[in-house]
Each structure stands twice: as C-alpha cells, then as structure tokens.
C-alpha cells in the first residue's frame, strides 16, 4: 500500500512539473488556455486520429482489417470528392465554430468559475470525480439534443446533413450543420465542464477522450477490442431512428435501443444484399 501511495504521489508530482513547464512556455493567460488552447487540442486530436482511418479508407489497406468493417462494401474505397466536401465542412466546425463557442463559454463562465489556481493541477480524486460525473451529464444532454435534432420540424434543415453518410467514416465525425455542432457536439461537453468547475488541464483530457470516443463510433470498424458503442452508433446511421445516446441508457429508458444482436445483423444483411442507400 505504501508503495502504491508513493507511486501515486510521484506521478502527481511529475504531471504538476510538466504542467508548470508548459505554462512557462505558453503563459498563464486564462483566455489563451481556454479559447486558443482548447481549439488547438481538439483540432490536433481530431486529425491525428482521423488521419489513420482516412488513409485506410482511401487505400483499402491494410487488407486484413477490412473484415472488421461493420457495413461491408460501403466506402471501399471512399469517394474522394464526397470526402473532400465533407472535410471542408469539418474544418469550418473545428476552427471557426469551435473558436467562437470556446470564446463565448470563456466569457460567460470559464473566466470566473473555472480559472482559479491555473498553475495547480486538480487532485487525482477530483479528476476521477469530474470524469465520472461528466460521462453521466453528457449522456443525458447528448441524448435529448440528438432526439431534438431528429424532430421532423428540425431534421431536414439541420441534422440531415450529418446523416448523408449512412455508412460513417472517422473523418466525417464532425461533418454537421454548425447549429448541430453547437447544440449536440459542443454544448453537452462545455456545459458539463462548467457545472463541474473543471480545471482547464482536465478539460483538455475530457475533450480528447470525447473526440476519440465519438470518432471511434464513426470509424465504420468494429475491432475485437472496440467498445459496444461502435456498432451501436453505426446502426443509428444506417437506420436513423434508434440508438441516439452514447451509452444506451436513455435509449433503453425511452424504447429507442436496439440490441447487439440486431446491430450485428446489419452487417450480414448488407453483405448478402448490397445496395445504395439514399439519404432521407
């Protein structure tokens, strides 16, 4: 136990030293950290992860991974013209929209509520608490925001854009109308961080985890190590009106959940009877 506690303390000291070193380079201005820093972190993590799968989608290599495609025959290889059009939309969301929302969030909340003791990292216990509560808060807010975007009075004007890709790929995770990007992608995360009073360093970690999780759900692949949410969300893209949430808890509550067996059945039906889907 003493060894474990010593290791825990040493790792905390190491991270604290690295954080102070970073602040010595970029400065301690809360605006720069919350607005510019958040925009850069999100952009960097997104394209580092998307780049790997985009290369796979363009080249159809390595071939031994094709067997893990959830919807075989779809985007094999991806249409380059369609992909480029999507990337242009993603770039606007990752730069202009993200920067403006981060700025507004900073001015409204983060400047006064989340910017105390910038130089002092939160404790591990506080980090674990924030991460655990964040998962619950995001599930609730994302589910209802997503359901709202599927309402007939909103869908064709906003959310339909994202559903043009009935067989998603990683690069189009944030291919969405700016209104959808704000309401469904940014607000659940930003609001959760505001409620929790999360330190900016942990906010960076949350941004990275949220992006990787969302992009994993859009890769179009279900590897042996993949979480169940990958097929869960891919099924939503294929069938539209099911599996709105992140974890599936509220889908079960509201009757919009589809079982893993039904999700796996999608791939076999596509493989046996390939067809071109039209966007609703």
Protein backbone atom coordinates (compact mmCIF):
# COMPACT_ATOMS: atom_id res chain seq x y z
CA UNK A 1 0.00 0.00 0.00
CA UNK A 2 2.82 2.40 0.89
CA UNK A 3 4.47 1.67 -2.46
CA UNK A 4 1.22 2.36 -4.29
CA UNK A 5 0.72 5.65 -2.47
CA UNK A 6 4.31 6.66 -3.17
CA UNK A 7 3.89 5.92 -6.88
CA UNK A 8 0.62 7.84 -6.93
CA UNK A 9 2.29 10.85 -5.31
CA UNK A 10 5.29 10.72 -7.64
CA UNK A 11 3.13 10.58 -10.76
CA UNK A 12 1.16 13.57 -9.49
CA UNK A 13 4.38 15.49 -8.88
CA UNK A 14 5.61 14.58 -12.37
CA UNK A 15 2.42 15.83 -14.05
CA UNK A 16 2.47 19.00 -11.96
CA UNK A 17 6.05 19.71 -13.06
CA UNK A 18 5.18 19.12 -16.73
CA UNK A 19 2.14 21.41 -16.45
CA UNK A 20 4.24 24.20 -14.95
CA UNK A 21 6.80 23.75 -17.71
CA UNK A 22 4.06 24.11 -20.30
CA UNK A 23 2.74 27.25 -18.64
CA UNK A 24 6.25 28.71 -18.63
CA UNK A 25 6.19 28.38 -22.43
CA UNK A 26 2.61 29.37 -23.35
CA UNK A 27 1.84 31.64 -20.42
CA UNK A 28 -0.91 31.63 -17.81
CA UNK A 29 -3.48 33.82 -19.55
CA UNK A 30 -6.82 32.01 -18.94
CA UNK A 31 -8.24 33.27 -22.26
CA UNK A 32 -5.33 31.81 -24.18
CA UNK A 33 -5.60 28.49 -22.36
CA UNK A 34 -9.37 28.12 -22.56
CA UNK A 35 -10.04 29.55 -26.02
CA UNK A 36 -6.91 29.09 -28.12
CA UNK A 37 -5.65 26.06 -26.23
CA UNK A 38 -8.96 24.19 -26.38
CA UNK A 39 -9.32 24.88 -30.10
CA UNK A 40 -5.82 23.58 -30.80
CA UNK A 41 -6.22 20.48 -28.62
CA UNK A 42 -9.50 19.50 -30.28
CA UNK A 43 -8.18 20.13 -33.81
CA UNK A 44 -4.96 18.19 -33.19
CA UNK A 45 -6.55 15.14 -31.57
CA UNK A 46 -9.24 15.01 -34.26
CA UNK A 47 -6.89 14.90 -37.22
CA UNK A 48 -4.28 12.66 -35.62
CA UNK A 49 -7.00 10.05 -35.12
CA UNK A 50 -8.92 10.74 -38.32
CA UNK A 51 -5.74 10.66 -40.40
CA UNK A 52 -5.10 7.00 -39.63
CA UNK A 53 -8.57 5.85 -40.65
CA UNK A 54 -8.81 8.21 -43.62
CA UNK A 55 -5.66 6.65 -45.05
CA UNK A 56 -7.26 3.23 -44.56
CA UNK A 57 -10.50 4.37 -46.21
CA UNK A 58 -8.69 5.81 -49.24
CA UNK A 59 -6.25 2.94 -49.83
CA UNK A 60 -8.34 -0.02 -48.57
CA UNK A 61 -5.22 -1.11 -46.69
CA UNK A 62 -4.21 -2.94 -44.64
CA UNK A 63 -6.48 -5.51 -46.21
CA UNK A 64 -6.56 -7.81 -43.19
CA UNK A 65 -8.54 -5.15 -41.31
CA UNK A 66 -11.31 -4.97 -43.91
CA UNK A 67 -13.02 -7.94 -42.28
CA UNK A 68 -13.87 -5.68 -39.35
CA UNK A 69 -15.96 -3.31 -41.46
CA UNK A 70 -19.44 -3.01 -39.97
CA UNK A 71 -21.05 -2.29 -43.34
CA UNK A 72 -19.00 -4.30 -45.87
CA UNK A 73 -18.79 -2.78 -49.34
CA UNK A 74 -19.56 0.73 -48.15
CA UNK A 75 -16.81 3.33 -48.68
CA UNK A 76 -14.40 0.72 -50.00
CA UNK A 77 -12.70 2.88 -51.11
CA UNK A 78 -14.28 6.16 -50.05
CA UNK A 79 -15.42 8.62 -52.74
CA UNK A 80 -12.67 11.27 -52.72
CA UNK A 81 -14.87 14.10 -53.99
CA UNK A 82 -17.51 13.39 -51.35
CA UNK A 83 -14.82 13.08 -48.71
CA UNK A 84 -13.22 16.43 -49.60
CA UNK A 85 -16.59 18.20 -49.47
CA UNK A 86 -17.13 16.74 -46.01
CA UNK A 87 -13.65 17.68 -44.82
CA UNK A 88 -14.26 21.33 -45.75
CA UNK A 89 -17.32 21.40 -43.50
CA UNK A 90 -15.40 19.67 -40.70
CA UNK A 91 -12.59 22.23 -40.95
CA UNK A 92 -15.03 25.11 -40.51
CA UNK A 93 -16.53 23.44 -37.43
CA UNK A 94 -13.12 22.65 -35.94
CA UNK A 95 -11.78 26.16 -36.42
CA UNK A 96 -14.37 28.94 -36.71
CA UNK A 97 -17.25 27.36 -34.78
CA UNK A 98 -15.08 25.81 -32.05
CA UNK A 99 -13.12 29.03 -31.52
CA UNK A 100 -16.27 31.16 -31.22
CA UNK A 101 -18.02 28.75 -28.86
CA UNK A 102 -14.89 28.44 -26.69
CA UNK A 103 -14.68 32.23 -26.55
CA UNK A 104 -18.33 32.65 -25.59
CA UNK A 105 -18.04 29.90 -22.99
CA UNK A 106 -14.98 31.56 -21.53
CA UNK A 107 -16.60 34.99 -21.28
CA UNK A 108 -19.82 33.62 -19.77
CA UNK A 109 -18.48 31.03 -17.34
CA UNK A 110 -14.91 29.79 -17.53
CA UNK A 111 -13.27 33.17 -16.91
CA UNK A 112 -14.77 33.44 -13.43
CA UNK A 113 -15.74 29.87 -12.46
CA UNK A 114 -13.03 27.67 -14.00
CA UNK A 115 -9.88 29.78 -13.99
CA UNK A 116 -8.79 29.84 -10.35
CA UNK A 117 -5.39 28.35 -9.50
CA UNK A 118 -4.44 27.73 -13.11
CA UNK A 119 -0.96 26.62 -12.05
CA UNK A 120 -2.19 23.97 -9.60
CA UNK A 121 -3.44 20.72 -11.11
CA UNK A 122 -6.54 19.08 -9.58
CA UNK A 123 -6.07 16.03 -7.38
CA UNK A 124 -6.50 12.54 -8.82
CA UNK A 125 -9.64 12.13 -6.75
CA UNK A 126 -11.07 15.32 -8.22
CA UNK A 127 -10.14 14.17 -11.71
CA UNK A 128 -11.89 10.84 -11.24
CA UNK A 129 -14.98 12.57 -9.85
CA UNK A 130 -15.18 15.01 -12.75
CA UNK A 131 -14.69 12.26 -15.34
CA UNK A 132 -17.35 10.01 -13.79
CA UNK A 133 -19.95 12.76 -13.48
CA UNK A 134 -19.09 14.05 -16.96
CA UNK A 135 -20.00 10.68 -18.50
CA UNK A 136 -23.46 10.85 -16.93
CA UNK A 137 -24.09 14.50 -17.76
CA UNK A 138 -23.00 14.12 -21.38
CA UNK A 139 -25.19 11.04 -21.86
CA UNK A 140 -28.23 12.97 -20.67
CA UNK A 141 -27.58 16.16 -22.64
CA UNK A 142 -26.43 14.47 -25.84
CA UNK A 143 -29.37 12.07 -25.93
CA UNK A 144 -32.04 14.77 -25.70
CA UNK A 145 -30.18 17.16 -28.01
CA UNK A 146 -29.87 14.34 -30.54
CA UNK A 147 -33.55 13.43 -30.25
CA UNK A 148 -34.42 17.09 -30.77
CA UNK A 149 -32.38 17.18 -33.99
CA UNK A 150 -34.39 14.21 -35.27
CA UNK A 151 -37.71 16.02 -34.79
CA UNK A 152 -39.46 16.42 -38.13
CA UNK A 153 -39.52 20.20 -37.80
CA UNK A 154 -35.71 20.33 -37.44
CA UNK A 155 -34.23 17.26 -39.10
CA UNK A 156 -34.28 18.25 -42.77
CA UNK A 157 -32.86 21.69 -42.04
CA UNK A 158 -30.05 20.69 -39.68
CA UNK A 159 -29.33 17.06 -38.83
CA UNK A 160 -29.95 15.60 -42.28
CA UNK A 161 -26.53 16.85 -43.33
CA UNK A 162 -24.75 14.53 -40.90
CA UNK A 163 -26.91 11.59 -41.99
CA UNK A 164 -25.86 11.92 -45.62
CA UNK A 165 -23.24 9.39 -44.54
CA UNK A 166 -25.34 6.31 -43.78
CA UNK A 167 -22.09 4.35 -43.53
CA UNK A 168 -19.88 6.71 -41.49
CA UNK A 169 -16.10 7.05 -41.53
CA UNK A 170 -13.87 8.70 -38.92
CA UNK A 171 -13.17 11.90 -40.87
CA UNK A 172 -16.87 12.85 -41.03
CA UNK A 173 -17.49 12.65 -37.28
CA UNK A 174 -17.97 16.43 -37.15
CA UNK A 175 -19.50 16.72 -40.61
CA UNK A 176 -22.57 18.60 -39.44
CA UNK A 177 -24.54 21.81 -39.76
CA UNK A 178 -22.99 24.45 -37.47
CA UNK A 179 -26.19 24.56 -35.40
CA UNK A 180 -25.98 20.81 -34.81
CA UNK A 181 -22.29 21.06 -33.99
CA UNK A 182 -23.03 23.62 -31.31
CA UNK A 183 -26.17 22.03 -29.87
CA UNK A 184 -25.22 18.34 -29.90
CA UNK A 185 -21.42 18.22 -30.01
CA UNK A 186 -20.17 21.24 -28.08
CA UNK A 187 -22.84 22.24 -25.57
CA UNK A 188 -23.10 18.88 -23.73
CA UNK A 189 -19.34 18.88 -23.17
CA UNK A 190 -18.99 22.61 -22.43
CA UNK A 191 -21.98 22.65 -20.07
CA UNK A 192 -20.74 19.59 -18.17
CA UNK A 193 -17.34 21.19 -17.66
CA UNK A 194 -18.99 24.42 -16.48
CA UNK A 195 -21.22 22.59 -14.00
CA UNK A 196 -18.27 20.66 -12.58
CA UNK A 197 -15.90 23.63 -12.44
CA UNK A 198 -13.31 21.51 -14.22
CA UNK A 199 -9.68 22.69 -14.37
CA UNK A 200 -8.52 23.62 -17.88
CA UNK A 201 -5.90 20.84 -17.92
CA UNK A 202 -8.53 18.20 -17.20
CA UNK A 203 -10.82 19.87 -19.73
CA UNK A 204 -8.17 19.14 -22.37
CA UNK A 205 -8.22 15.48 -21.34
CA UNK A 206 -12.02 15.39 -21.49
CA UNK A 207 -12.01 17.00 -24.95
CA UNK A 208 -9.54 14.39 -26.18
CA UNK A 209 -11.48 11.46 -24.70
CA UNK A 210 -14.81 12.75 -26.03
CA UNK A 211 -13.36 13.18 -29.52
CA UNK A 212 -11.70 9.77 -29.61
CA UNK A 213 -14.89 8.11 -28.35
CA UNK A 214 -17.09 9.87 -30.89
CA UNK A 215 -14.68 9.21 -33.74
CA UNK A 216 -14.38 5.55 -32.78
CA UNK A 217 -18.15 5.33 -33.11
CA UNK A 218 -17.89 6.76 -36.65
CA UNK A 219 -14.94 4.76 -37.99
CA UNK A 220 -17.13 2.11 -39.58
CA UNK A 221 -15.00 -0.61 -37.97
CA UNK A 222 -15.73 -2.89 -35.06
CA UNK A 223 -12.48 -4.45 -33.93
CA UNK A 224 -12.26 -7.21 -31.29
CA UNK A 225 -11.18 -4.54 -28.79
CA UNK A 226 -13.82 -2.00 -29.82
CA UNK A 227 -16.44 -0.84 -27.36
CA UNK A 228 -20.06 -1.82 -27.98
CA UNK A 229 -20.88 1.79 -28.77
CA UNK A 230 -19.22 1.44 -32.20
CA UNK A 231 -21.89 -0.87 -33.65
CA UNK A 232 -24.43 0.97 -31.52
CA UNK A 233 -23.90 4.30 -33.30
CA UNK A 234 -23.19 2.80 -36.72
CA UNK A 235 -26.65 1.24 -36.50
CA UNK A 236 -28.08 4.71 -35.86
CA UNK A 237 -26.52 6.00 -39.09
CA UNK A 238 -27.95 3.08 -41.03
CA UNK A 239 -31.45 3.10 -39.51
CA UNK A 240 -31.80 6.73 -38.30
CA UNK A 241 -34.39 6.38 -35.53
CA UNK A 242 -32.64 4.21 -32.96
CA UNK A 243 -29.62 4.40 -30.65
CA UNK A 244 -29.50 8.16 -30.07
CA UNK A 245 -27.33 8.20 -26.97
CA UNK A 246 -23.72 7.47 -26.10
CA UNK A 247 -24.09 4.64 -23.57
CA UNK A 248 -27.57 3.47 -24.50
CA UNK A 249 -29.02 4.00 -21.02
CA UNK A 250 -31.61 6.57 -22.07
CA UNK A 251 -32.32 4.64 -25.26
CA UNK A 252 -33.37 1.72 -23.08
CA UNK A 253 -35.50 4.04 -20.97
CA UNK A 254 -37.26 5.57 -23.96
CA UNK A 255 -37.56 2.46 -26.12
CA UNK A 256 -35.11 3.57 -28.83
CA UNK A 257 -32.46 0.96 -28.03
CA UNK A 258 -31.57 -1.83 -30.41
CA UNK A 259 -29.87 -4.95 -29.08
CA UNK A 260 -26.31 -6.04 -30.00
CA UNK A 261 -27.80 -8.95 -31.98
CA UNK A 262 -29.81 -6.54 -34.14
CA UNK A 263 -26.74 -4.32 -34.55
CA UNK A 264 -24.58 -7.24 -35.69
CA UNK A 265 -27.33 -8.41 -38.03
CA UNK A 266 -26.91 -5.20 -40.03
CA UNK A 267 -23.53 -6.26 -41.40
CA UNK A 268 -24.72 -9.68 -42.54
CA UNK A 269 -27.75 -8.18 -44.33
CA UNK A 270 -25.58 -5.65 -46.14
CA UNK A 271 -23.05 -8.30 -47.13
CA UNK A 272 -25.70 -10.64 -48.54
CA UNK A 273 -27.65 -7.90 -50.32
CA UNK A 274 -25.55 -4.81 -51.10
CA UNK A 275 -27.50 -1.70 -52.01
CA UNK A 276 -27.08 2.05 -52.32
CA UNK A 277 -28.87 3.97 -49.61
CA UNK A 278 -30.47 7.29 -50.15
CA UNK A 279 -30.46 9.97 -47.51
CA UNK A 280 -33.87 10.61 -46.05
